[in-house]
N, C-alpha and C. Protein backbone atom coordinates (compact mmCIF):
# COMPACT_ATOMS: atom_id res chain seq x y z
N UNK A 1 -0.68 11.34 32.71
CA UNK A 1 -1.10 11.93 33.42
C UNK A 1 -2.24 13.09 33.17
N UNK A 2 -3.20 13.30 34.56
CA UNK A 2 -4.84 13.61 34.14
C UNK A 2 -4.81 14.56 34.32
N UNK A 3 -5.66 15.80 33.61
CA UNK A 3 -5.28 17.15 33.37
C UNK A 3 -5.80 17.78 34.06
N UNK A 4 -6.40 17.37 35.93
CA UNK A 4 -6.35 17.95 37.07
C UNK A 4 -4.75 18.06 37.76
N UNK A 5 -4.04 16.60 37.37
CA UNK A 5 -3.10 16.84 37.90
C UNK A 5 -1.75 17.94 37.35
N UNK A 6 -1.66 17.83 36.14
CA UNK A 6 -1.01 18.43 35.71
C UNK A 6 -1.80 20.32 36.20
N UNK A 7 -2.55 20.30 36.17
CA UNK A 7 -3.03 21.40 36.71
C UNK A 7 -2.69 21.69 38.22
N UNK A 8 -2.55 21.23 38.85
CA UNK A 8 -2.26 21.43 40.45
C UNK A 8 -0.42 21.29 40.60
N UNK A 9 -0.15 20.85 38.75
CA UNK A 9 1.44 20.26 39.44
C UNK A 9 2.23 21.79 38.56
N UNK A 10 1.71 22.22 37.35
CA UNK A 10 1.96 22.84 36.66
C UNK A 10 1.37 24.72 36.54
N UNK A 11 -0.07 24.88 37.21
CA UNK A 11 -0.76 25.81 36.87
C UNK A 11 -1.85 25.33 35.77
N UNK A 12 -1.90 26.45 34.83
CA UNK A 12 -2.83 26.81 34.04
C UNK A 12 -1.72 26.58 32.71
N UNK A 13 -0.33 27.07 32.42
CA UNK A 13 0.86 26.22 32.02
C UNK A 13 0.64 24.71 31.61
N UNK A 14 0.18 24.14 32.65
CA UNK A 14 0.19 22.31 32.26
C UNK A 14 -0.99 22.03 31.31
N UNK A 15 -1.67 23.35 30.90
CA UNK A 15 -3.53 23.06 30.25
C UNK A 15 -3.26 23.66 29.42
N UNK A 16 -2.12 23.92 28.73
CA UNK A 16 -1.76 24.69 27.66
C UNK A 16 -1.45 23.55 26.10
N UNK A 17 -1.92 24.22 25.38
CA UNK A 17 -0.87 22.99 24.25
C UNK A 17 0.66 23.47 23.36
N UNK A 18 1.31 21.98 24.09
CA UNK A 18 2.90 22.85 23.71
C UNK A 18 3.24 21.91 22.21
N UNK A 19 3.43 23.00 21.41
CA UNK A 19 3.88 22.91 20.20
C UNK A 19 5.15 22.03 20.13
N UNK A 20 5.60 22.01 21.01
CA UNK A 20 7.03 21.09 21.08
C UNK A 20 6.95 20.18 21.78
N UNK A 21 7.47 18.54 22.33
CA UNK A 21 7.86 18.19 23.05
C UNK A 21 8.60 18.50 23.97
N UNK A 22 8.74 18.22 25.44
CA UNK A 22 8.86 18.24 26.70
C UNK A 22 10.33 17.77 26.07
N UNK A 23 11.39 17.77 26.90
CA UNK A 23 12.95 17.45 26.85
C UNK A 23 13.27 17.17 28.37
N UNK A 24 13.99 15.13 28.25
CA UNK A 24 14.39 15.07 29.64
C UNK A 24 15.43 14.56 29.38
N UNK A 25 16.43 14.69 30.26
CA UNK A 25 17.95 14.36 30.45
C UNK A 25 18.19 12.43 30.21
N UNK A 26 18.69 11.94 30.24
CA UNK A 26 19.00 10.88 30.28
C UNK A 26 19.19 10.51 31.81
N UNK A 27 20.38 11.95 32.52
CA UNK A 27 19.92 11.00 33.54
C UNK A 27 18.52 11.12 34.17
N UNK A 28 17.72 11.48 34.45
CA UNK A 28 16.41 11.65 34.63
C UNK A 28 15.90 10.98 34.54
N UNK A 29 16.22 10.51 33.22
CA UNK A 29 14.84 9.03 32.69
C UNK A 29 15.20 7.64 33.08
N UNK A 30 16.29 7.93 33.47
CA UNK A 30 16.98 6.33 33.92
C UNK A 30 16.67 6.65 35.84
N UNK A 31 16.95 7.85 36.42
CA UNK A 31 16.95 7.62 37.30
C UNK A 31 15.20 7.39 37.48
N UNK A 32 14.33 7.97 37.66
CA UNK A 32 12.93 7.65 37.02
C UNK A 32 12.63 6.21 36.57
N UNK A 33 12.95 5.64 35.99
CA UNK A 33 12.82 4.19 35.55
C UNK A 33 13.48 3.42 36.92
N UNK A 34 14.76 3.76 37.53
CA UNK A 34 15.35 3.05 38.58
C UNK A 34 14.69 3.17 39.89
N UNK A 35 13.95 4.13 39.91
CA UNK A 35 12.41 4.65 41.31
C UNK A 35 11.21 3.63 41.47
N UNK A 36 11.10 3.74 40.42
CA UNK A 36 9.41 2.66 39.66
C UNK A 36 10.02 1.60 40.24
N UNK A 37 10.89 1.09 39.82
CA UNK A 37 11.11 -0.80 39.52
C UNK A 37 12.05 -1.00 40.60
N UNK A 38 12.21 -0.67 41.52
CA UNK A 38 12.36 -0.36 42.87
C UNK A 38 11.40 -0.86 44.25
N UNK A 39 10.16 -0.27 43.51
CA UNK A 39 9.29 -0.84 44.09
C UNK A 39 8.67 0.06 45.28
N UNK A 40 9.70 1.43 45.45
CA UNK A 40 9.35 2.14 46.50
C UNK A 40 8.34 3.83 46.33
N UNK A 41 8.18 3.96 44.69
CA UNK A 41 7.12 4.85 44.45
C UNK A 41 6.38 3.85 43.56
N UNK A 42 5.23 4.66 43.19
CA UNK A 42 3.89 4.45 42.13
C UNK A 42 4.09 4.95 41.17
N UNK A 43 4.00 5.03 40.15
CA UNK A 43 4.29 5.40 38.93
C UNK A 43 3.53 6.81 38.64
N UNK A 44 2.08 7.36 39.03
CA UNK A 44 1.94 8.03 39.98
C UNK A 44 3.29 9.32 40.57
N UNK A 45 3.20 8.55 41.13
CA UNK A 45 4.55 9.30 42.41
C UNK A 45 5.70 10.08 41.70
N UNK A 46 6.34 9.02 40.45
CA UNK A 46 7.55 8.94 40.01
C UNK A 46 7.03 10.52 39.09
N UNK A 47 5.91 10.07 39.01
CA UNK A 47 5.48 11.59 37.79
C UNK A 47 5.31 12.56 38.24
N UNK A 48 4.84 12.70 39.90
CA UNK A 48 4.96 13.94 40.02
C UNK A 48 6.36 14.53 40.64
N UNK A 49 7.45 13.42 40.45
CA UNK A 49 8.46 13.75 41.72
C UNK A 49 9.45 14.47 40.35
N UNK A 50 9.87 13.71 39.26
CA UNK A 50 10.31 13.96 38.20
C UNK A 50 9.60 14.83 37.21
N UNK A 51 8.05 15.48 37.76
CA UNK A 51 7.63 15.86 36.29
C UNK A 51 7.58 15.64 35.10
N UNK A 52 7.36 14.20 34.61
CA UNK A 52 7.28 13.55 33.76
C UNK A 52 5.90 14.37 33.33
N UNK A 53 5.85 13.80 31.61
CA UNK A 53 4.36 14.71 31.53
C UNK A 53 3.47 13.72 31.27
N UNK A 54 3.61 12.46 30.80
CA UNK A 54 2.19 11.93 31.17
C UNK A 54 2.93 10.27 31.76
N UNK A 55 2.24 8.70 32.02
CA UNK A 55 2.05 8.02 32.43
C UNK A 55 2.70 6.82 31.01
N UNK A 56 2.42 7.23 30.25
CA UNK A 56 3.07 7.08 28.74
C UNK A 56 4.06 6.70 28.77
N UNK A 57 4.95 8.54 29.39
CA UNK A 57 5.97 8.66 28.88
C UNK A 57 6.50 7.73 29.99
N UNK A 58 6.32 7.68 31.17
CA UNK A 58 7.47 6.40 31.28
C UNK A 58 7.31 5.13 31.25
N UNK A 59 6.45 4.69 31.03
CA UNK A 59 5.98 3.27 30.34
C UNK A 59 7.14 3.12 29.80
N UNK A 60 7.12 4.24 28.46
CA UNK A 60 7.64 3.52 27.46
C UNK A 60 9.22 3.98 27.79
N UNK A 61 10.06 4.81 29.01
CA UNK A 61 10.90 4.75 29.24
C UNK A 61 11.29 3.07 29.67
N UNK A 62 10.17 2.72 30.68
CA UNK A 62 10.75 1.19 31.45
C UNK A 62 10.52 0.47 30.32
N UNK A 63 9.70 0.33 29.24
CA UNK A 63 9.60 -1.07 28.38
C UNK A 63 11.63 -0.61 27.52
N UNK A 64 11.85 0.27 27.35
CA UNK A 64 13.13 0.49 26.49
C UNK A 64 14.25 0.39 27.26
N UNK A 65 14.37 0.44 28.84
CA UNK A 65 15.30 0.01 29.92
C UNK A 65 15.22 -1.44 30.39
N UNK A 66 14.32 -1.92 30.23
CA UNK A 66 14.09 -3.19 29.87
C UNK A 66 14.20 -4.20 29.19
N UNK A 67 14.43 -3.35 28.24
CA UNK A 67 14.34 -4.75 26.62
C UNK A 67 16.34 -3.92 26.55
N UNK A 68 17.18 -3.00 27.16
CA UNK A 68 18.05 -3.27 27.04
C UNK A 68 18.57 -2.18 26.28
N UNK A 69 17.33 -1.12 25.44
CA UNK A 69 17.78 0.39 24.79
C UNK A 69 18.55 1.01 25.62
N UNK A 70 18.90 2.52 24.65
CA UNK A 70 19.12 3.58 25.70
C UNK A 70 18.23 4.09 25.40
N UNK A 71 18.47 5.24 26.76
CA UNK A 71 17.35 6.47 27.55
C UNK A 71 17.98 7.57 26.65
N UNK A 72 17.93 7.72 25.82
CA UNK A 72 18.83 8.76 25.26
C UNK A 72 17.91 10.34 25.09
N UNK A 73 18.36 11.44 25.27
CA UNK A 73 18.18 12.51 25.41
C UNK A 73 17.46 13.10 24.86
N UNK A 74 16.12 13.25 24.37
CA UNK A 74 15.28 13.76 22.98
C UNK A 74 16.12 15.15 22.30
N UNK A 75 16.49 15.38 21.40
CA UNK A 75 17.15 16.15 20.73
C UNK A 75 16.30 17.57 20.35
N UNK A 76 15.21 16.91 20.07
CA UNK A 76 13.78 18.02 19.02
C UNK A 76 13.34 17.51 17.89
N UNK A 77 12.55 18.35 17.57
CA UNK A 77 12.09 18.14 16.24
C UNK A 77 12.10 17.43 15.27
N UNK A 78 11.47 16.65 14.50
CA UNK A 78 12.05 15.26 13.41
C UNK A 78 12.93 16.27 12.15
N UNK A 79 13.20 15.86 11.59
CA UNK A 79 14.46 16.27 11.01
C UNK A 79 13.91 15.48 9.00
N UNK A 80 12.90 14.82 9.23
CA UNK A 80 12.65 14.19 8.38
C UNK A 80 12.16 14.56 7.02
N UNK A 81 10.97 15.50 6.94
CA UNK A 81 10.82 16.06 5.77
C UNK A 81 11.58 17.24 5.31
N UNK A 82 13.58 16.91 5.65
CA UNK A 82 14.30 17.84 4.65
C UNK A 82 14.25 18.13 4.06
N UNK A 83 14.89 18.20 2.97
CA UNK A 83 15.13 18.21 1.44
C UNK A 83 15.67 18.11 0.42
N UNK A 84 16.04 16.60 0.38
CA UNK A 84 16.99 16.02 -0.51
C UNK A 84 17.85 16.07 -1.46
N UNK A 85 18.92 15.38 -1.63
CA UNK A 85 19.63 16.43 -2.55
C UNK A 85 20.71 15.46 -3.17
N UNK A 86 20.59 15.84 -4.57
CA UNK A 86 21.20 15.15 -5.45
C UNK A 86 22.91 14.55 -4.69
N UNK A 87 22.73 13.09 -5.02
CA UNK A 87 24.07 12.58 -4.37
C UNK A 87 24.67 11.68 -5.56
N UNK A 88 25.92 11.42 -5.54
CA UNK A 88 26.72 10.35 -6.46
C UNK A 88 26.32 9.40 -5.93
N UNK A 89 26.90 8.34 -6.69
CA UNK A 89 26.38 6.67 -6.43
C UNK A 89 27.65 5.99 -4.64
N UNK A 90 28.82 6.95 -5.06
CA UNK A 90 30.05 6.71 -3.55
C UNK A 90 29.30 6.92 -2.46
N UNK A 91 28.78 8.53 -2.66
CA UNK A 91 28.04 8.89 -1.35
C UNK A 91 27.02 8.04 -1.32
N UNK A 92 25.96 7.83 -1.91
CA UNK A 92 24.70 6.67 -1.25
C UNK A 92 25.35 5.25 -0.61
N UNK A 93 26.81 4.92 -0.67
CA UNK A 93 26.71 3.81 -0.42
C UNK A 93 27.47 3.76 0.99
N UNK A 94 28.86 5.02 0.68
CA UNK A 94 28.63 5.02 1.83
C UNK A 94 27.82 5.21 2.89
N UNK A 95 26.78 6.43 2.53
CA UNK A 95 26.14 6.16 3.63
C UNK A 95 25.20 5.20 4.41
N UNK A 96 24.85 4.46 2.66
CA UNK A 96 24.63 3.07 3.40
C UNK A 96 25.34 2.39 5.05
N UNK A 97 26.17 2.07 3.89
CA UNK A 97 27.59 1.41 5.05
C UNK A 97 27.48 1.84 6.38
N UNK A 98 27.42 4.14 6.39
CA UNK A 98 27.22 3.33 7.94
C UNK A 98 25.90 3.37 8.42
N UNK A 99 24.89 3.56 7.57
CA UNK A 99 23.97 2.76 8.51
C UNK A 99 23.72 1.36 9.24
N UNK A 100 24.26 0.74 7.91
CA UNK A 100 24.55 -0.48 8.28
C UNK A 100 25.63 -0.72 10.04
N UNK A 101 26.68 -0.11 9.88
CA UNK A 101 27.33 -0.42 11.13
C UNK A 101 26.78 1.02 11.82
N UNK A 102 25.90 1.23 11.84
CA UNK A 102 25.16 2.29 13.63
C UNK A 102 24.24 1.98 13.64
N UNK A 103 23.20 1.03 13.54
CA UNK A 103 22.44 -0.03 13.88
C UNK A 103 21.08 1.01 13.16
N UNK A 104 21.09 1.29 12.49
CA UNK A 104 20.14 2.08 11.12
C UNK A 104 19.59 2.77 11.70
N UNK A 105 20.46 3.88 12.00
CA UNK A 105 20.67 5.33 12.51
C UNK A 105 20.01 6.15 11.15
N UNK A 106 18.80 5.91 10.57
CA UNK A 106 18.15 6.95 9.15
C UNK A 106 18.53 8.35 9.92
N UNK A 107 18.02 8.73 11.08
CA UNK A 107 17.81 9.63 10.71
C UNK A 107 19.05 10.51 11.24
N UNK A 108 20.26 10.23 11.74
CA UNK A 108 21.43 10.69 12.20
C UNK A 108 21.96 10.21 11.14
N UNK A 109 22.02 9.68 10.09
CA UNK A 109 22.71 9.18 8.48
C UNK A 109 21.96 10.69 7.68
N UNK A 110 21.04 10.67 7.33
CA UNK A 110 19.52 11.90 6.91
C UNK A 110 20.46 12.99 7.15
N UNK A 111 20.49 13.37 8.50
CA UNK A 111 20.87 14.75 9.05
C UNK A 111 22.35 15.28 8.37
N UNK A 112 23.15 14.55 8.64
CA UNK A 112 24.77 13.88 8.44
C UNK A 112 25.35 14.48 7.37
N UNK A 113 24.16 14.55 6.45
CA UNK A 113 24.41 13.97 5.14
C UNK A 113 23.69 14.65 4.08
N UNK A 114 23.00 15.49 4.78
CA UNK A 114 21.73 17.02 4.62
C UNK A 114 21.39 15.57 3.05
N UNK A 115 20.23 14.62 3.65
CA UNK A 115 19.92 14.59 2.27
C UNK A 115 18.58 13.76 3.15
N UNK A 116 17.38 13.53 2.59
CA UNK A 116 16.01 13.30 3.61
C UNK A 116 16.11 12.00 4.32
N UNK A 117 15.19 11.29 4.84
CA UNK A 117 15.10 10.79 5.93
C UNK A 117 14.79 9.09 5.04
N UNK A 118 13.90 9.52 4.12
CA UNK A 118 12.91 8.59 2.62
C UNK A 118 14.91 8.01 2.13
N UNK A 119 14.79 8.88 1.50
CA UNK A 119 16.53 8.61 0.75
C UNK A 119 16.75 7.39 1.15
N UNK A 120 17.55 7.85 3.08
CA UNK A 120 18.50 6.85 3.15
C UNK A 120 17.61 5.26 3.89
N UNK A 121 16.38 6.02 3.84
CA UNK A 121 15.84 4.27 4.11
C UNK A 121 15.40 3.70 3.06
N UNK A 122 15.73 4.36 2.15
CA UNK A 122 15.06 3.28 0.23
C UNK A 122 16.65 3.44 0.15
N UNK A 123 17.46 3.64 0.40
CA UNK A 123 19.29 2.64 -0.25
C UNK A 123 19.48 1.88 0.42
N UNK A 124 19.03 1.94 1.73
CA UNK A 124 19.40 0.99 3.10
C UNK A 124 18.67 -0.31 2.34
N UNK A 125 17.48 0.22 2.53
CA UNK A 125 16.57 -1.01 2.15
C UNK A 125 15.96 -1.56 0.73
N UNK A 126 17.05 -1.44 0.10
CA UNK A 126 16.53 -1.43 -1.93
C UNK A 126 16.52 -3.21 -1.60
N UNK A 127 15.90 -3.33 -3.21
CA UNK A 127 15.97 -4.87 -3.53
C UNK A 127 15.98 -4.48 -5.33
N UNK A 128 17.12 -4.88 -5.74
CA UNK A 128 17.42 -5.57 -6.63
C UNK A 128 16.34 -5.19 -7.91
N UNK A 129 16.02 -4.63 -9.00
CA UNK A 129 15.03 -5.02 -10.01
C UNK A 129 15.36 -6.04 -10.11
N UNK A 130 14.28 -6.72 -11.39
CA UNK A 130 14.58 -7.97 -11.73
C UNK A 130 15.90 -8.06 -13.22
N UNK A 131 15.86 -7.10 -13.27
CA UNK A 131 15.94 -6.28 -14.62
C UNK A 131 18.00 -6.73 -14.24
N UNK A 132 18.35 -5.85 -12.52
CA UNK A 132 19.08 -6.14 -12.30
C UNK A 132 19.64 -7.33 -11.94
N UNK A 133 18.63 -8.33 -10.89
CA UNK A 133 19.16 -9.65 -10.73
C UNK A 133 19.86 -10.35 -12.35
N UNK A 134 19.29 -10.07 -13.67
CA UNK A 134 18.85 -11.04 -14.80
C UNK A 134 20.22 -10.18 -15.11
N UNK A 135 20.90 -9.21 -15.02
CA UNK A 135 22.06 -8.69 -15.22
C UNK A 135 23.37 -9.48 -14.51
N UNK A 136 23.52 -9.56 -13.60
CA UNK A 136 24.15 -10.16 -12.62
C UNK A 136 24.17 -11.55 -13.44
N UNK A 137 22.92 -12.40 -13.17
CA UNK A 137 22.79 -13.65 -13.92
C UNK A 137 23.78 -13.61 -15.51
N UNK A 138 23.37 -12.80 -16.13
CA UNK A 138 24.16 -12.86 -17.27
C UNK A 138 25.60 -12.58 -17.07
N UNK A 139 25.70 -11.44 -16.35
CA UNK A 139 27.32 -11.64 -16.36
C UNK A 139 28.09 -12.62 -15.68
N UNK A 140 27.67 -13.00 -15.18
CA UNK A 140 28.55 -14.55 -14.34
C UNK A 140 28.56 -15.87 -15.66
N UNK A 141 27.45 -15.37 -16.30
CA UNK A 141 27.69 -16.29 -17.44
C UNK A 141 28.31 -16.67 -18.87
N UNK A 142 28.24 -14.81 -19.04
CA UNK A 142 29.67 -13.43 -19.60
C UNK A 142 30.68 -14.26 -19.68
N UNK A 143 31.00 -14.35 -18.46
CA UNK A 143 32.65 -14.68 -17.37
C UNK A 143 32.27 -15.64 -17.33
N UNK A 144 32.29 -17.13 -17.37
CA UNK A 144 32.15 -18.27 -17.13
C UNK A 144 32.99 -18.35 -18.39
N UNK A 145 31.66 -18.01 -19.90
CA UNK A 145 32.54 -18.76 -21.40
C UNK A 145 33.61 -18.34 -21.98
N UNK A 146 34.02 -16.55 -21.19
CA UNK A 146 35.17 -15.88 -21.62
C UNK A 146 36.15 -16.81 -20.61
N UNK A 147 36.23 -17.10 -19.98
CA UNK A 147 37.26 -17.70 -18.61
C UNK A 147 37.01 -19.48 -20.13
N UNK A 148 36.26 -19.71 -20.02
CA UNK A 148 36.23 -21.35 -20.77
C UNK A 148 37.03 -21.33 -22.80
N UNK A 149 36.74 -20.07 -23.07
CA UNK A 149 37.44 -19.70 -24.46
C UNK A 149 38.78 -19.53 -23.55
N UNK A 150 39.36 -19.45 -22.50
CA UNK A 150 40.49 -18.62 -22.51
C UNK A 150 40.69 -17.48 -22.47
N UNK A 151 40.03 -16.68 -23.09
CA UNK A 151 40.30 -14.95 -22.96
C UNK A 151 40.13 -14.72 -24.23
N UNK A 152 40.23 -16.10 -25.19
CA UNK A 152 40.24 -15.45 -26.61
C UNK A 152 39.11 -15.10 -27.66
N UNK A 153 37.18 -15.26 -27.21
CA UNK A 153 36.98 -14.65 -27.55
C UNK A 153 37.03 -12.89 -27.77
N UNK A 154 36.49 -12.47 -28.42
CA UNK A 154 36.66 -10.99 -29.08
C UNK A 154 34.67 -10.71 -28.74
N UNK A 155 34.97 -9.22 -28.43
CA UNK A 155 33.59 -8.71 -28.42
C UNK A 155 32.19 -9.17 -29.57
N UNK A 156 32.87 -9.71 -30.70
CA UNK A 156 31.42 -9.97 -31.43
C UNK A 156 30.87 -11.52 -31.29
N UNK A 157 32.04 -11.57 -31.22
CA UNK A 157 32.60 -13.56 -31.05
C UNK A 157 31.49 -13.99 -29.55
N UNK A 158 31.76 -13.03 -28.59
CA UNK A 158 31.39 -12.98 -27.06
C UNK A 158 29.63 -13.49 -26.90
N UNK A 159 29.55 -11.94 -28.11
CA UNK A 159 27.64 -11.73 -28.00
C UNK A 159 26.71 -12.93 -29.45
N UNK A 160 27.74 -12.97 -29.89
CA UNK A 160 27.19 -14.02 -30.70
C UNK A 160 25.92 -15.46 -29.75
N UNK A 161 27.44 -15.63 -29.07
CA UNK A 161 27.59 -16.49 -28.57
C UNK A 161 26.78 -17.04 -27.37
N UNK A 162 26.84 -15.49 -26.85
CA UNK A 162 25.78 -15.68 -25.42
C UNK A 162 24.09 -15.25 -25.81
N UNK A 163 23.99 -14.62 -27.55
CA UNK A 163 22.43 -14.25 -28.02
C UNK A 163 22.43 -15.71 -28.37
N UNK A 164 22.92 -16.18 -28.22
CA UNK A 164 22.60 -18.15 -28.95
C UNK A 164 21.99 -18.59 -27.45
N UNK A 165 23.25 -18.33 -26.96
CA UNK A 165 22.67 -18.93 -25.76
C UNK A 165 21.33 -19.09 -24.43
N UNK A 166 21.37 -17.29 -24.25
CA UNK A 166 20.42 -17.00 -23.80
C UNK A 166 19.40 -16.23 -24.26
N UNK A 167 19.42 -15.84 -25.50
CA UNK A 167 17.98 -14.91 -26.12
C UNK A 167 18.36 -14.27 -26.02
N UNK A 168 18.99 -13.30 -24.69
CA UNK A 168 18.57 -11.25 -24.45
C UNK A 168 19.21 -11.05 -25.75
N UNK A 169 18.79 -9.63 -25.56
CA UNK A 169 19.29 -8.62 -26.73
C UNK A 169 19.98 -8.29 -25.70
N UNK A 170 20.34 -7.54 -24.17
CA UNK A 170 20.79 -6.20 -23.31
C UNK A 170 22.26 -6.93 -23.34
N UNK A 171 23.22 -7.79 -23.85
CA UNK A 171 24.22 -8.19 -23.52
C UNK A 171 24.93 -7.32 -24.57
N UNK A 172 24.78 -6.56 -24.91
CA UNK A 172 25.66 -5.33 -25.04
C UNK A 172 26.11 -4.32 -24.13
N UNK A 173 24.61 -4.00 -23.90
CA UNK A 173 24.87 -2.82 -22.66
C UNK A 173 25.93 -3.85 -21.31
N UNK A 174 25.54 -5.18 -21.36
CA UNK A 174 25.84 -5.63 -20.36
C UNK A 174 27.91 -5.37 -20.06
N UNK A 175 28.54 -5.90 -21.70
CA UNK A 175 29.66 -5.72 -22.05
C UNK A 175 30.01 -4.51 -21.94
N UNK A 176 29.25 -3.21 -22.38
CA UNK A 176 29.84 -2.19 -21.92
C UNK A 176 29.66 -1.60 -20.47
N UNK A 177 29.40 -1.94 -19.00
CA UNK A 177 29.44 -2.02 -18.16
C UNK A 177 30.51 -2.63 -18.06
N UNK A 178 30.82 -3.76 -18.31
CA UNK A 178 31.53 -4.44 -17.72
C UNK A 178 33.38 -3.85 -18.47
N UNK A 179 32.97 -3.96 -19.00
CA UNK A 179 34.17 -2.27 -19.68
C UNK A 179 34.23 -1.21 -18.88
N UNK A 180 33.76 -0.48 -18.57
CA UNK A 180 33.66 0.99 -18.06
C UNK A 180 34.51 0.08 -16.30
N UNK A 181 33.47 -0.92 -15.99
CA UNK A 181 34.60 -1.35 -14.77
C UNK A 181 35.29 -1.96 -14.67
N UNK A 182 35.80 -2.64 -15.59
CA UNK A 182 37.70 -2.84 -15.95
C UNK A 182 38.23 -1.96 -16.26
N UNK A 183 37.81 -1.03 -16.71
CA UNK A 183 39.09 0.37 -16.91
C UNK A 183 38.59 1.34 -15.85
N UNK A 184 37.54 1.44 -14.61
CA UNK A 184 37.99 2.04 -13.39
C UNK A 184 38.87 1.43 -12.67
N UNK A 185 39.21 0.10 -12.19
CA UNK A 185 39.91 -1.19 -11.93
C UNK A 185 41.52 -0.64 -12.01
N UNK A 186 41.48 -0.85 -13.73
CA UNK A 186 42.88 -0.13 -14.24
C UNK A 186 43.30 0.91 -13.94
N UNK A 187 42.66 1.62 -13.27
CA UNK A 187 43.09 3.34 -13.59
C UNK A 187 43.42 3.51 -11.86
N UNK A 188 42.81 2.17 -10.97
CA UNK A 188 42.99 2.49 -9.63
C UNK A 188 43.99 0.59 -9.32
N UNK A 189 44.25 0.54 -10.21
CA UNK A 189 45.42 -0.64 -9.74
C UNK A 189 46.75 0.13 -9.80
């Protein structure tokens, strides 16, 4: 909408800078899009009829409508800069599972769990480090060796065998991690 149009429609208030975005109901958005797509109204007439802030706004709604996205009501300012808080590993897992189940709604997950958008985004899109990938591979090798010897190797024998086979020195750290997870499983069972 040109400045003249805004002045004609809203008066001086139409020319003032708005510190926040205007909010339109889902019904109004849908009706405006349908009116335009019916061919009865031009974009300019739809903008004047529904008092939409700009032609770009209407075009964005039309794009969303045509791509079968939802035309949800704007709920107000972004909370993306909210300060994050400390979270447990299980909370992070739950948040990631929520995002994956709800079409990657990072903002909603961040708001519900009182963490920052950035934290949620990073947890969902996290790539394992090379050390983590190596640890997974070492764990697989370790478990296969342990199974081959019918679980008769003790800690020292397994560590010695693994060091000879792989040449890695972090085997004891991985074994400690396995011991912790097996204790957790024993407690849960």
